[in-house]
């Protein structure tokens, strides 16, 4: 499984398993919310806020190359064995 790296709004690197993502939505122009197929404490999907537009985040999660001008992270894809 490949994990995709993003930067959180606190500049921490977070790795996301695309198979667990149920939706991506905009929070602010350059901040997106990634929701996971895991319930949080309130029964709603667990979410994280990451830097980047919805289009850029969705593109990276789907395996497409980042759009021109989108920040690329070194080591953004990490292969993990099952």
N, C-alpha and C. Protein backbone atom coordinates (compact mmCIF):
# COMPACT_ATOMS: atom_id res chain seq x y z
N UNK A 1 0.84 -1.16 0.00
CA UNK A 1 0.00 0.00 0.00
C UNK A 1 0.89 1.23 0.00
N UNK A 2 0.57 2.20 -0.79
CA UNK A 2 1.34 3.43 -0.86
C UNK A 2 0.68 4.49 0.02
N UNK A 3 1.48 5.14 0.83
CA UNK A 3 1.00 6.24 1.67
C UNK A 3 1.41 7.54 0.99
N UNK A 4 0.52 8.52 0.97
CA UNK A 4 0.77 9.79 0.33
C UNK A 4 1.00 10.84 1.42
N UNK A 5 2.10 11.57 1.31
CA UNK A 5 2.45 12.58 2.31
C UNK A 5 1.83 13.93 2.01
N UNK A 6 1.34 14.58 3.05
CA UNK A 6 0.80 15.94 2.99
C UNK A 6 1.34 16.71 4.19
N UNK A 7 1.23 18.03 4.13
CA UNK A 7 1.56 18.86 5.29
C UNK A 7 0.27 19.32 5.92
N UNK A 8 0.20 19.18 7.24
CA UNK A 8 -0.98 19.67 7.96
C UNK A 8 -0.89 21.18 8.08
N UNK A 9 -1.92 21.78 8.61
CA UNK A 9 -1.92 23.23 8.79
C UNK A 9 -0.93 23.65 9.87
N UNK A 10 -0.40 22.70 10.64
CA UNK A 10 0.65 22.97 11.64
C UNK A 10 2.03 22.61 11.10
N UNK A 11 2.12 22.40 9.77
CA UNK A 11 3.36 22.05 9.09
C UNK A 11 3.94 20.70 9.51
N UNK A 12 3.12 19.82 10.03
CA UNK A 12 3.55 18.45 10.32
C UNK A 12 3.29 17.61 9.08
N UNK A 13 4.19 16.68 8.79
CA UNK A 13 3.99 15.77 7.68
C UNK A 13 3.06 14.66 8.15
N UNK A 14 1.99 14.43 7.40
CA UNK A 14 1.04 13.35 7.69
C UNK A 14 0.96 12.46 6.46
N UNK A 15 0.84 11.17 6.66
CA UNK A 15 0.75 10.21 5.57
C UNK A 15 -0.65 9.62 5.53
N UNK A 16 -1.21 9.56 4.33
CA UNK A 16 -2.59 9.14 4.14
C UNK A 16 -2.63 7.90 3.26
N UNK A 17 -3.42 6.91 3.67
CA UNK A 17 -3.69 5.74 2.85
C UNK A 17 -4.89 6.09 1.97
N UNK A 18 -4.71 6.25 0.66
CA UNK A 18 -5.82 6.66 -0.22
C UNK A 18 -7.02 5.72 -0.17
N UNK A 19 -6.81 4.45 0.15
CA UNK A 19 -7.91 3.49 0.21
C UNK A 19 -8.88 3.80 1.36
N UNK A 20 -8.45 4.57 2.34
CA UNK A 20 -9.28 4.89 3.50
C UNK A 20 -9.99 6.24 3.39
N UNK A 21 -9.73 6.98 2.29
CA UNK A 21 -10.33 8.31 2.12
C UNK A 21 -11.74 8.17 1.55
N UNK A 22 -12.72 8.84 2.19
CA UNK A 22 -14.08 8.80 1.66
C UNK A 22 -14.46 10.08 0.94
N UNK A 23 -13.85 11.21 1.32
CA UNK A 23 -14.06 12.44 0.55
C UNK A 23 -13.01 13.48 0.90
N UNK A 24 -12.87 14.45 -0.03
CA UNK A 24 -12.00 15.61 0.15
C UNK A 24 -12.86 16.82 -0.12
N UNK A 25 -12.79 17.82 0.75
CA UNK A 25 -13.58 19.03 0.56
C UNK A 25 -12.75 20.25 0.94
N UNK A 26 -13.16 21.41 0.47
CA UNK A 26 -12.44 22.65 0.75
C UNK A 26 -12.78 23.16 2.14
N UNK A 27 -11.78 23.69 2.83
CA UNK A 27 -11.98 24.37 4.10
C UNK A 27 -11.72 25.86 3.90
N UNK A 28 -10.60 26.18 3.27
CA UNK A 28 -10.21 27.52 2.86
C UNK A 28 -9.60 27.38 1.48
N UNK A 29 -9.30 28.49 0.78
CA UNK A 29 -8.76 28.35 -0.58
C UNK A 29 -7.55 27.43 -0.71
N UNK A 30 -6.64 27.43 0.26
CA UNK A 30 -5.45 26.58 0.17
C UNK A 30 -5.37 25.56 1.30
N UNK A 31 -6.53 25.22 1.87
CA UNK A 31 -6.60 24.19 2.91
C UNK A 31 -7.76 23.27 2.59
N UNK A 32 -7.50 21.96 2.60
CA UNK A 32 -8.53 20.97 2.31
C UNK A 32 -8.75 20.08 3.52
N UNK A 33 -9.92 19.47 3.57
CA UNK A 33 -10.25 18.50 4.61
C UNK A 33 -10.29 17.12 3.96
N UNK A 34 -9.56 16.18 4.53
CA UNK A 34 -9.60 14.79 4.08
C UNK A 34 -10.37 14.01 5.14
N UNK A 35 -11.43 13.32 4.72
CA UNK A 35 -12.25 12.51 5.64
C UNK A 35 -11.94 11.03 5.41
N UNK A 36 -11.88 10.29 6.51
CA UNK A 36 -11.51 8.88 6.46
C UNK A 36 -12.68 7.97 6.80
N UNK A 37 -12.56 6.72 6.38
CA UNK A 37 -13.58 5.71 6.65
C UNK A 37 -13.39 5.14 8.05
N UNK A 38 -13.20 6.03 9.01
CA UNK A 38 -13.03 5.69 10.42
C UNK A 38 -13.85 6.70 11.20
N UNK A 39 -14.65 6.23 12.13
CA UNK A 39 -15.48 7.15 12.92
C UNK A 39 -14.65 7.84 14.00
N UNK A 40 -14.89 9.13 14.15
CA UNK A 40 -14.28 9.89 15.22
C UNK A 40 -15.08 9.74 16.50
N UNK A 41 -14.75 10.53 17.51
CA UNK A 41 -15.43 10.43 18.81
C UNK A 41 -16.91 10.76 18.74
N UNK A 42 -17.34 11.52 17.75
CA UNK A 42 -18.75 11.90 17.63
C UNK A 42 -19.52 11.04 16.63
N UNK A 43 -18.90 9.98 16.14
CA UNK A 43 -19.56 9.11 15.17
C UNK A 43 -19.43 9.58 13.74
N UNK A 44 -18.90 10.76 13.54
CA UNK A 44 -18.67 11.30 12.20
C UNK A 44 -17.31 10.80 11.70
N UNK A 45 -17.06 10.88 10.37
CA UNK A 45 -15.75 10.46 9.86
C UNK A 45 -14.62 11.27 10.50
N UNK A 46 -13.51 10.59 10.80
CA UNK A 46 -12.32 11.29 11.28
C UNK A 46 -11.78 12.13 10.12
N UNK A 47 -11.32 13.33 10.41
CA UNK A 47 -10.83 14.24 9.36
C UNK A 47 -9.49 14.85 9.77
N UNK A 48 -8.73 15.27 8.75
CA UNK A 48 -7.54 16.08 8.97
C UNK A 48 -7.58 17.25 8.00
N UNK A 49 -6.98 18.35 8.39
CA UNK A 49 -6.85 19.52 7.53
C UNK A 49 -5.43 19.51 6.97
N UNK A 50 -5.32 19.62 5.65
CA UNK A 50 -4.01 19.61 5.00
C UNK A 50 -3.87 20.83 4.09
N UNK A 51 -2.62 21.19 3.84
CA UNK A 51 -2.35 22.32 2.94
C UNK A 51 -2.54 21.87 1.50
N UNK A 52 -3.17 22.73 0.70
CA UNK A 52 -3.38 22.45 -0.72
C UNK A 52 -4.84 22.53 -1.09
N UNK A 53 -5.07 22.87 -2.35
CA UNK A 53 -6.44 22.95 -2.86
C UNK A 53 -7.04 21.56 -2.97
N UNK A 54 -8.35 21.51 -3.08
CA UNK A 54 -9.04 20.23 -3.25
C UNK A 54 -8.53 19.52 -4.50
N UNK A 55 -8.36 20.27 -5.59
CA UNK A 55 -7.89 19.66 -6.84
C UNK A 55 -6.50 19.04 -6.66
N UNK A 56 -5.60 19.74 -5.99
CA UNK A 56 -4.26 19.23 -5.78
C UNK A 56 -4.28 18.00 -4.88
N UNK A 57 -5.03 18.05 -3.80
CA UNK A 57 -5.11 16.92 -2.87
C UNK A 57 -5.71 15.70 -3.57
N UNK A 58 -6.81 15.89 -4.28
CA UNK A 58 -7.46 14.78 -4.99
C UNK A 58 -6.54 14.20 -6.05
N UNK A 59 -5.81 15.06 -6.74
CA UNK A 59 -4.87 14.61 -7.77
C UNK A 59 -3.78 13.74 -7.15
N UNK A 60 -3.24 14.15 -6.03
CA UNK A 60 -2.19 13.38 -5.37
C UNK A 60 -2.72 12.06 -4.84
N UNK A 61 -3.94 12.07 -4.31
CA UNK A 61 -4.53 10.83 -3.79
C UNK A 61 -4.83 9.83 -4.90
N UNK A 62 -5.17 10.33 -6.08
CA UNK A 62 -5.49 9.44 -7.20
C UNK A 62 -4.25 8.95 -7.93
N UNK A 63 -3.09 9.45 -7.54
CA UNK A 63 -1.85 8.99 -8.16
C UNK A 63 -1.38 9.83 -9.31
N UNK A 64 -2.09 10.90 -9.64
CA UNK A 64 -1.67 11.79 -10.72
C UNK A 64 -0.55 12.68 -10.22
N UNK A 65 0.24 13.18 -11.14
CA UNK A 65 1.32 14.10 -10.79
C UNK A 65 0.74 15.41 -10.30
N UNK A 66 1.42 16.11 -9.39
CA UNK A 66 0.92 17.41 -8.93
C UNK A 66 0.79 18.38 -10.09
N UNK A 67 -0.23 19.22 -10.03
CA UNK A 67 -0.43 20.23 -11.06
C UNK A 67 0.72 21.22 -11.04
N UNK A 68 0.93 21.90 -12.17
CA UNK A 68 1.99 22.90 -12.27
C UNK A 68 1.83 23.93 -11.16
N UNK A 69 2.89 24.17 -10.44
CA UNK A 69 2.84 25.15 -9.37
C UNK A 69 2.44 24.57 -8.03
N UNK A 70 1.99 23.32 -8.01
CA UNK A 70 1.61 22.70 -6.74
C UNK A 70 2.88 22.26 -6.02
N UNK A 71 2.94 22.44 -4.72
CA UNK A 71 4.14 22.04 -3.99
C UNK A 71 4.29 20.53 -3.98
N UNK A 72 5.47 20.06 -4.33
CA UNK A 72 5.76 18.63 -4.29
C UNK A 72 6.58 18.37 -3.04
N UNK A 73 6.26 17.31 -2.33
CA UNK A 73 6.99 16.98 -1.11
C UNK A 73 7.97 15.87 -1.40
N UNK A 74 9.20 16.05 -0.96
CA UNK A 74 10.18 14.99 -1.09
C UNK A 74 9.73 13.82 -0.22
N UNK A 75 9.78 12.63 -0.76
CA UNK A 75 9.38 11.45 0.00
C UNK A 75 7.90 11.38 0.26
N UNK A 76 7.10 11.91 -0.67
CA UNK A 76 5.66 11.97 -0.42
C UNK A 76 4.96 10.63 -0.60
N UNK A 77 5.57 9.70 -1.28
CA UNK A 77 4.96 8.37 -1.42
C UNK A 77 5.86 7.37 -0.71
N UNK A 78 5.31 6.65 0.23
CA UNK A 78 6.08 5.68 1.01
C UNK A 78 5.42 4.33 0.82
N UNK A 79 6.19 3.37 0.32
CA UNK A 79 5.64 2.03 0.13
C UNK A 79 5.73 1.27 1.45
N UNK A 80 4.67 0.64 1.83
CA UNK A 80 4.63 -0.17 3.04
C UNK A 80 4.17 -1.57 2.66
N UNK A 81 4.76 -2.57 3.27
CA UNK A 81 4.32 -3.94 2.98
C UNK A 81 3.15 -4.28 3.89
N UNK A 82 2.29 -5.16 3.41
CA UNK A 82 1.08 -5.52 4.18
C UNK A 82 1.38 -6.45 5.30
